Amino acid sequence: MAIELKEVKTKKDFKEFIYLPEKIHKGHDKWLYPIYFDEKKLFNPQKNASFRVCDYKMVLAYKDGKAVGRIMGIINRQHNELFNLKNARFGFLECYEDSEVSHALISDIENWGREHGMNKIIGPFGFSDKEVQGLLIEGFEYEPVIDSACNFSFLPKLVEAEGYAKELDCVIYRFPVVNPVPEVMDRIFDRVTSRKDLQFIEFTKNSQMKPYIMSAMQLVNESFSDIYGFIPMTEEEMMGLAKQYLPLLDPRFVKMVVKDGEVIAFSASMPNMYKGIQKAKGRLFPFGLFYILRAIKKARSVNIMLGGIKPAYQKQALDLFLTLGTIRSVIAAKMDYVDTHVVMEENKDMMAEFKRYGAFLIKRFRVYQKAL
């Protein structure tokens, strides 16, 4: 049966592109619906500032009139110029287990990249590291983790069949909560937090965090500058991110270190809300937001969503306050474990930090590459 490729141009195409994954993943209990309110903004050039610095192509694949796959090609001109690259990206790839469909989609974006003078393609990768990146290749048995890939196991095989090889791996670790915390860790915690030149802040209300949010976002720009694919956030993006996540943050699981009014280290975690998102099917209304908030209240674990330490302070054990402080709060909340955010496997210091607390790997994601 012939495969028809169609570039997304109309509102109808756009809607098909957005909602196709939930059709492909019907009955897949380890798949997490996107929050469609955010998804519609992500793919909208009028609402997502990333489109201003990117060329793009959104494609749907059809068989016998039925949508059976999608892909997006991205050329981030800003990132390429910054690092003197000629990279195209493919992202947001979804299809059924059909090699003809995956071949047609991937080949189309490869050709598009060549037409734009690119000599390499990586993916899955979005506009920047802020979107879901890579394909899940290990840990399919674990429940989904917010802001990470939860594809079927056949998808990496389809990509590899197109000649793609590893570019980099990212991982998620799980901290089992141990109560009580080893005494030696408590002693180090007390020593670190006894410093008089720093404020070690833990919160009880969301309103207490507001004065520090923009400083924390600026710290992300500074501390993430060497992260693969990272593009510094604009002030507009910082405000958007703060507006998006501040209402969902539980102040018990936000830790900050402040010096002279400036955030020099922070960690923000959220109770795991995946069950609520699944029940809501990614829709906030009419009842989705209620399901999500109820899931937050009943959560047995937290996800570390974001964090950073100012480079000049990265060897001063401030990470111990952030990590152990979060673990203490999880113990106080009578929860069971902490899942990290997605971390590059090459970050050996962070890997060592995870293992210090008895954390173990639960998920591995792979970003692929291919010469054009």
Protein backbone atom coordinates (compact mmCIF):
# COMPACT_ATOMS: atom_id res chain seq x y z
CA MET A 1 0.00 0.00 0.00
CA ALA A 2 1.47 3.37 -1.04
CA ILE A 3 2.57 5.82 1.63
CA GLU A 4 1.56 9.44 1.20
CA LEU A 5 3.58 12.15 2.96
CA LYS A 6 1.86 15.43 3.68
CA GLU A 7 3.45 18.56 5.10
CA VAL A 8 1.44 20.10 7.93
CA LYS A 9 -0.10 23.32 6.66
CA THR A 10 -3.75 23.55 7.70
CA LYS A 11 -5.51 23.61 11.06
CA LYS A 12 -6.80 20.12 10.32
CA ASP A 13 -3.25 18.88 9.64
CA PHE A 14 -2.05 20.54 12.83
CA LYS A 15 -4.75 18.82 14.88
CA GLU A 16 -3.88 15.46 13.30
CA PHE A 17 -0.19 15.97 14.11
CA ILE A 18 -0.92 16.84 17.75
CA TYR A 19 -3.32 14.01 18.51
CA LEU A 20 -1.87 11.17 16.42
CA PRO A 21 0.41 9.82 19.21
CA GLU A 22 -2.53 9.02 21.49
CA LYS A 23 -4.02 6.88 18.72
CA ILE A 24 -0.73 5.04 18.18
CA HIS A 25 -0.30 4.47 21.93
CA LYS A 26 -3.87 3.40 22.64
CA GLY A 27 -3.71 0.78 25.40
CA HIS A 28 -0.03 1.49 26.15
CA ASP A 29 0.00 1.84 29.95
CA LYS A 30 3.58 3.13 30.08
CA TRP A 31 2.85 6.03 27.72
CA LEU A 32 2.19 9.49 29.10
CA TYR A 33 -0.17 11.86 27.35
CA PRO A 34 1.28 15.31 26.71
CA ILE A 35 -0.52 18.25 28.30
CA TYR A 36 -2.31 19.40 25.17
CA PHE A 37 -2.64 22.99 26.38
CA ASP A 38 1.18 23.18 26.35
CA GLU A 39 1.55 20.99 23.25
CA LYS A 40 -0.52 23.37 21.13
CA LYS A 41 1.72 26.26 22.14
CA LEU A 42 4.90 24.24 21.53
CA PHE A 43 4.04 23.62 17.88
CA ASN A 44 2.56 27.06 17.20
CA PRO A 45 4.97 29.54 15.50
CA GLN A 46 2.93 32.45 16.87
CA LYS A 47 3.31 31.27 20.47
CA ASN A 48 6.71 29.52 20.58
CA ALA A 49 9.68 31.89 20.30
CA SER A 50 11.93 29.01 19.17
CA PHE A 51 10.42 29.23 15.69
CA ARG A 52 12.12 32.62 15.25
CA VAL A 53 15.56 30.99 15.18
CA CYS A 54 14.64 27.69 13.51
CA ASP A 55 13.72 26.36 10.09
CA TYR A 56 11.24 23.52 10.36
CA LYS A 57 9.11 21.00 8.54
CA MET A 58 6.22 19.02 10.06
CA VAL A 59 5.17 15.91 8.17
CA LEU A 60 2.36 13.36 8.43
CA ALA A 61 2.40 9.91 6.80
CA TYR A 62 -0.81 8.32 5.49
CA LYS A 63 -1.74 4.81 4.36
CA ASP A 64 -5.09 4.25 2.71
CA GLY A 65 -6.22 7.66 3.94
CA LYS A 66 -5.31 6.95 7.59
CA ALA A 67 -2.60 8.88 9.43
CA VAL A 68 0.04 6.35 10.50
CA GLY A 69 3.07 8.46 11.44
CA ARG A 70 4.52 11.90 12.01
CA ILE A 71 7.89 13.62 12.25
CA MET A 72 9.32 17.12 12.55
CA GLY A 73 12.53 18.39 11.02
CA ILE A 74 14.29 21.28 12.76
CA ILE A 75 17.35 23.35 11.93
CA ASN A 76 18.23 25.53 14.89
CA ARG A 77 20.16 28.33 13.19
CA GLN A 78 21.09 29.95 16.51
CA HIS A 79 22.63 26.77 17.90
CA ASN A 80 24.42 25.94 14.65
CA GLU A 81 25.95 29.40 14.45
CA LEU A 82 26.94 29.37 18.11
CA PHE A 83 28.82 26.07 17.79
CA ASN A 84 29.79 26.27 14.09
CA LEU A 85 27.66 23.26 13.13
CA LYS A 86 25.58 22.21 10.15
CA ASN A 87 23.15 19.97 11.99
CA ALA A 88 19.58 19.13 11.18
CA ARG A 89 17.37 17.47 13.77
CA PHE A 90 14.45 15.10 13.61
CA GLY A 91 12.04 15.08 16.50
CA PHE A 92 8.57 14.13 17.71
CA LEU A 93 8.73 10.91 15.69
CA GLU A 94 5.73 8.64 16.12
CA CYS A 95 4.52 5.74 14.00
CA TYR A 96 3.14 2.24 14.16
CA GLU A 97 5.53 -0.71 13.86
CA ASP A 98 6.00 -0.27 10.13
CA SER A 99 9.45 0.10 8.61
CA GLU A 100 8.07 1.51 5.35
CA VAL A 101 6.44 4.37 7.23
CA SER A 102 9.47 5.13 9.42
CA HIS A 103 11.74 5.00 6.36
CA ALA A 104 9.52 7.40 4.42
CA LEU A 105 9.32 9.89 7.29
CA ILE A 106 13.00 9.85 8.24
CA SER A 107 14.20 9.93 4.63
CA ASP A 108 12.03 12.96 3.93
CA ILE A 109 13.60 14.94 6.75
CA GLU A 110 17.10 13.80 5.77
CA ASN A 111 16.52 15.08 2.23
CA TRP A 112 15.12 18.34 3.61
CA GLY A 113 18.26 18.72 5.74
CA ARG A 114 20.51 18.17 2.73
CA GLU A 115 18.55 20.73 0.72
CA HIS A 116 19.33 23.25 3.47
CA GLY A 117 23.06 22.49 3.36
CA MET A 118 23.27 20.39 6.51
CA ASN A 119 25.89 17.63 6.79
CA LYS A 120 24.61 15.80 9.88
CA ILE A 121 21.28 14.93 11.47
CA ILE A 122 20.61 14.14 15.14
CA GLY A 123 17.51 13.03 16.94
CA PRO A 124 15.08 12.69 18.35
CA PHE A 125 15.78 16.26 19.47
CA GLY A 126 13.47 19.25 19.64
CA PHE A 127 14.11 22.95 19.39
CA SER A 128 16.49 22.71 22.37
CA ASP A 129 17.22 20.51 25.38
CA LYS A 130 14.02 21.82 27.00
CA GLU A 131 11.90 19.40 24.97
CA VAL A 132 11.82 15.62 25.33
CA GLN A 133 14.98 14.23 23.74
CA GLY A 134 16.10 10.77 22.69
CA LEU A 135 14.28 7.46 22.54
CA LEU A 136 13.80 5.15 25.50
CA ILE A 137 16.07 2.12 24.99
CA GLU A 138 16.18 0.71 28.54
CA GLY A 139 13.68 0.70 31.42
CA PHE A 140 10.43 0.00 29.57
CA GLU A 141 9.08 -1.79 32.64
CA TYR A 142 9.06 1.36 34.79
CA GLU A 143 6.23 3.87 34.91
CA PRO A 144 6.63 7.03 32.81
CA VAL A 145 8.61 9.98 34.15
CA ILE A 146 7.47 13.51 33.37
CA ASP A 147 9.27 15.22 30.47
CA SER A 148 10.94 12.07 29.16
CA ALA A 149 10.34 9.75 26.21
CA CYS A 150 8.02 6.76 26.66
CA ASN A 151 8.06 5.19 23.21
CA PHE A 152 7.47 1.57 22.25
CA SER A 153 10.55 -0.67 22.15
CA PHE A 154 10.28 -1.10 18.38
CA LEU A 155 10.92 2.58 17.60
CA PRO A 156 14.69 2.61 18.33
CA LYS A 157 15.03 -0.45 16.09
CA LEU A 158 13.27 1.34 13.24
CA VAL A 159 15.60 4.33 13.61
CA GLU A 160 18.73 2.14 13.77
CA ALA A 161 17.58 0.35 10.60
CA GLU A 162 17.95 3.71 8.83
CA GLY A 163 21.69 3.75 9.59
CA TYR A 164 21.64 5.80 12.79
CA ALA A 165 24.18 5.31 15.59
CA LYS A 166 24.58 6.64 19.11
CA GLU A 167 25.26 10.34 19.56
CA LEU A 168 24.76 10.36 23.34
CA ASP A 169 22.80 8.65 26.10
CA CYS A 170 20.83 10.26 28.92
CA VAL A 171 19.64 8.49 32.04
CA ILE A 172 17.20 8.70 34.93
CA TYR A 173 18.09 7.37 38.38
CA ARG A 174 15.87 6.46 41.32
CA PHE A 175 16.71 7.21 44.95
CA PRO A 176 15.02 4.73 47.28
CA VAL A 177 14.11 6.60 50.45
CA VAL A 178 16.08 5.28 53.41
CA ASN A 179 14.85 6.27 56.84
CA PRO A 180 16.80 7.18 58.81
CA VAL A 181 19.40 8.83 56.57
CA PRO A 182 22.94 7.55 57.37
CA GLU A 183 24.34 9.51 60.31
CA VAL A 184 27.48 10.55 58.44
CA MET A 185 25.33 12.26 55.79
CA ASP A 186 23.43 14.14 58.48
CA ARG A 187 26.72 15.39 59.94
CA ILE A 188 27.94 16.64 56.56
CA PHE A 189 24.55 18.27 55.95
CA ASP A 190 24.76 20.13 59.26
CA ARG A 191 28.32 21.26 58.51
CA VAL A 192 27.42 22.54 55.03
CA THR A 193 24.33 24.41 56.18
CA SER A 194 26.19 26.04 59.10
CA ARG A 195 27.87 28.51 56.73
CA LYS A 196 27.02 32.07 57.74
CA ASP A 197 27.71 33.64 54.33
CA LEU A 198 24.88 31.71 52.66
CA GLN A 199 21.15 31.31 53.15
CA PHE A 200 19.84 27.75 52.91
CA ILE A 201 16.17 28.20 52.14
CA GLU A 202 13.31 25.71 52.39
CA PHE A 203 9.78 26.84 51.64
CA THR A 204 6.31 26.26 53.01
CA LYS A 205 4.29 28.44 50.58
CA ASN A 206 4.46 29.04 46.82
CA SER A 207 4.32 32.79 47.42
CA GLN A 208 7.66 32.58 49.24
CA MET A 209 9.35 31.34 46.05
CA LYS A 210 8.25 34.18 43.75
CA PRO A 211 11.05 36.65 44.62
CA TYR A 212 13.67 34.03 43.64
CA ILE A 213 12.20 32.58 40.46
CA MET A 214 13.88 34.84 37.89
CA SER A 215 17.23 34.56 39.67
CA ALA A 216 16.89 30.77 39.57
CA MET A 217 16.07 30.85 35.84
CA GLN A 218 19.16 33.02 35.19
CA LEU A 219 21.20 30.46 37.11
CA VAL A 220 19.94 27.75 34.73
CA ASN A 221 21.37 29.75 31.82
CA GLU A 222 24.74 29.99 33.55
CA SER A 223 25.06 26.48 34.95
CA PHE A 224 23.70 24.68 31.85
CA SER A 225 25.85 26.49 29.30
CA ASP A 226 27.93 23.35 28.56
CA ILE A 227 24.96 20.96 28.32
CA TYR A 228 24.45 19.31 24.93
CA GLY A 229 21.97 21.25 22.81
CA PHE A 230 21.36 23.95 25.41
CA ILE A 231 20.27 27.38 24.22
CA PRO A 232 20.18 30.20 26.80
CA MET A 233 16.65 31.20 27.73
CA THR A 234 15.39 34.66 26.94
CA GLU A 235 13.66 36.65 29.64
CA GLU A 236 10.38 35.89 27.86
CA GLU A 237 11.08 32.15 28.04
CA MET A 238 12.06 32.40 31.71
CA MET A 239 8.80 34.11 32.57
CA GLY A 240 6.84 31.56 30.56
CA LEU A 241 8.54 28.64 32.30
CA ALA A 242 7.95 30.18 35.72
CA LYS A 243 4.29 30.82 34.93
CA GLN A 244 3.86 27.26 33.66
CA TYR A 245 5.44 25.41 36.59
CA LEU A 246 5.13 27.65 39.68
CA PRO A 247 1.48 26.73 40.36
CA LEU A 248 2.37 23.01 40.21
CA LEU A 249 5.43 23.15 42.44
CA ASP A 250 5.10 21.81 45.97
CA PRO A 251 7.13 24.22 48.13
CA ARG A 252 8.25 21.34 50.38
CA PHE A 253 10.37 19.99 47.53
CA VAL A 254 12.05 23.22 46.41
CA LYS A 255 15.47 23.98 47.91
CA MET A 256 17.58 27.08 47.33
CA VAL A 257 20.92 28.50 48.38
CA VAL A 258 21.11 32.29 48.24
CA LYS A 259 24.02 34.70 48.59
CA ASP A 260 23.38 38.45 48.80
CA GLY A 261 19.91 37.99 47.32
CA GLU A 262 21.14 35.92 44.34
CA VAL A 263 20.25 32.25 43.87
CA ILE A 264 23.52 30.31 43.55
CA ALA A 265 22.02 26.81 43.82
CA PHE A 266 18.55 25.33 43.64
CA SER A 267 16.59 22.15 43.09
CA ALA A 268 12.89 21.96 42.20
CA SER A 269 10.97 18.70 42.45
CA MET A 270 7.31 17.84 41.97
CA PRO A 271 5.18 14.99 43.25
CA ASN A 272 4.78 12.43 40.48
CA MET A 273 1.52 13.31 38.74
CA TYR A 274 1.64 10.82 35.88
CA LYS A 275 -1.46 8.91 37.02
CA GLY A 276 -3.47 12.12 36.98
CA ILE A 277 -2.23 13.06 33.51
CA GLN A 278 -3.10 9.58 32.24
CA LYS A 279 -6.60 9.77 33.72
CA ALA A 280 -7.05 13.27 32.28
CA LYS A 281 -5.75 12.04 28.91
CA GLY A 282 -3.69 15.20 28.71
CA ARG A 283 -6.72 17.49 28.81
CA LEU A 284 -6.99 20.03 31.61
CA PHE A 285 -10.73 20.63 31.19
CA PRO A 286 -13.39 19.93 32.22
CA PHE A 287 -12.02 17.57 34.90
CA GLY A 288 -8.38 16.98 33.94
CA LEU A 289 -6.90 19.57 36.26
CA PHE A 290 -8.80 18.01 39.15
CA TYR A 291 -7.36 14.57 38.31
CA ILE A 292 -3.83 15.99 38.14
CA LEU A 293 -4.10 17.88 41.44
CA ARG A 294 -5.56 14.80 43.14
CA ALA A 295 -2.67 12.70 41.80
CA ILE A 296 -0.19 15.21 43.21
CA LYS A 297 -1.77 14.88 46.66
CA LYS A 298 -1.70 11.07 46.53
CA ALA A 299 1.76 10.73 44.96
CA ARG A 300 4.19 8.22 46.45
CA SER A 301 7.26 9.75 44.81
CA VAL A 302 8.70 12.99 43.48
CA ASN A 303 10.48 13.88 40.24
CA ILE A 304 13.44 16.26 40.32
CA MET A 305 12.45 18.61 37.50
CA LEU A 306 15.18 21.23 37.39
CA GLY A 307 18.21 22.40 39.30
CA GLY A 308 21.60 23.99 39.02
CA ILE A 309 24.61 25.30 40.90
CA LYS A 310 26.54 28.42 39.96
CA PRO A 311 29.88 27.23 38.50
CA ALA A 312 31.97 29.05 41.10
CA TYR A 313 30.18 27.11 43.88
CA GLN A 314 30.02 23.65 42.31
CA LYS A 315 32.75 22.10 44.47
CA GLN A 316 31.43 23.34 47.81
CA ALA A 317 29.03 20.47 48.66
CA LEU A 318 25.93 22.58 48.08
CA ASP A 319 24.52 19.66 46.10
CA LEU A 320 24.34 17.74 49.37
CA PHE A 321 21.90 20.30 50.79
CA LEU A 322 19.78 20.13 47.63
CA THR A 323 19.69 16.33 47.43
CA LEU A 324 19.57 15.39 51.08
CA GLY A 325 17.16 18.24 51.80
CA THR A 326 14.80 16.83 49.17
CA ILE A 327 15.17 13.28 50.52
CA ARG A 328 14.39 14.51 54.04
CA SER A 329 11.24 16.21 52.77
CA VAL A 330 10.21 13.03 50.94
CA ILE A 331 10.69 11.05 54.17
CA ALA A 332 8.62 13.61 56.08
CA ALA A 333 5.88 13.26 53.46
CA LYS A 334 6.01 9.47 53.91
CA MET A 335 6.78 8.88 50.25
CA ASP A 336 8.83 6.02 48.81
CA TYR A 337 11.38 7.32 46.32
CA VAL A 338 12.81 10.19 44.25
CA ASP A 339 13.33 10.04 40.48
CA THR A 340 15.93 12.33 38.95
CA HIS A 341 15.46 14.42 35.85
CA VAL A 342 17.10 13.32 32.60
CA VAL A 343 20.88 13.63 32.94
CA MET A 344 23.63 13.14 30.37
CA GLU A 345 25.51 9.92 31.01
CA GLU A 346 28.78 11.82 30.57
CA ASN A 347 28.09 13.87 33.70
CA LYS A 348 30.30 11.73 35.94
CA ASP A 349 30.08 14.05 38.95
CA MET A 350 26.30 13.77 39.02
CA MET A 351 26.41 10.01 38.48
CA ALA A 352 28.69 9.72 41.51
CA GLU A 353 26.33 11.93 43.51
CA PHE A 354 23.37 9.69 42.67
CA LYS A 355 25.22 6.52 43.63
CA ARG A 356 26.34 8.05 46.93
CA TYR A 357 22.70 7.87 48.01
CA GLY A 358 22.14 4.35 46.72
CA ALA A 359 20.32 5.45 43.58
CA PHE A 360 20.00 3.02 40.67
CA LEU A 361 19.35 3.52 36.96
CA ILE A 362 15.76 3.02 35.81
CA LYS A 363 15.72 4.52 32.31
CA ARG A 364 18.16 5.15 29.47
CA PHE A 365 17.46 7.32 26.43
CA ARG A 366 19.46 7.58 23.23
CA VAL A 367 19.95 10.49 20.86
CA TYR A 368 21.04 9.21 17.46
CA GLN A 369 23.16 10.72 14.69
CA LYS A 370 23.83 10.12 11.01
CA ALA A 371 26.00 11.83 8.43
CA LEU A 372 24.12 13.45 5.58
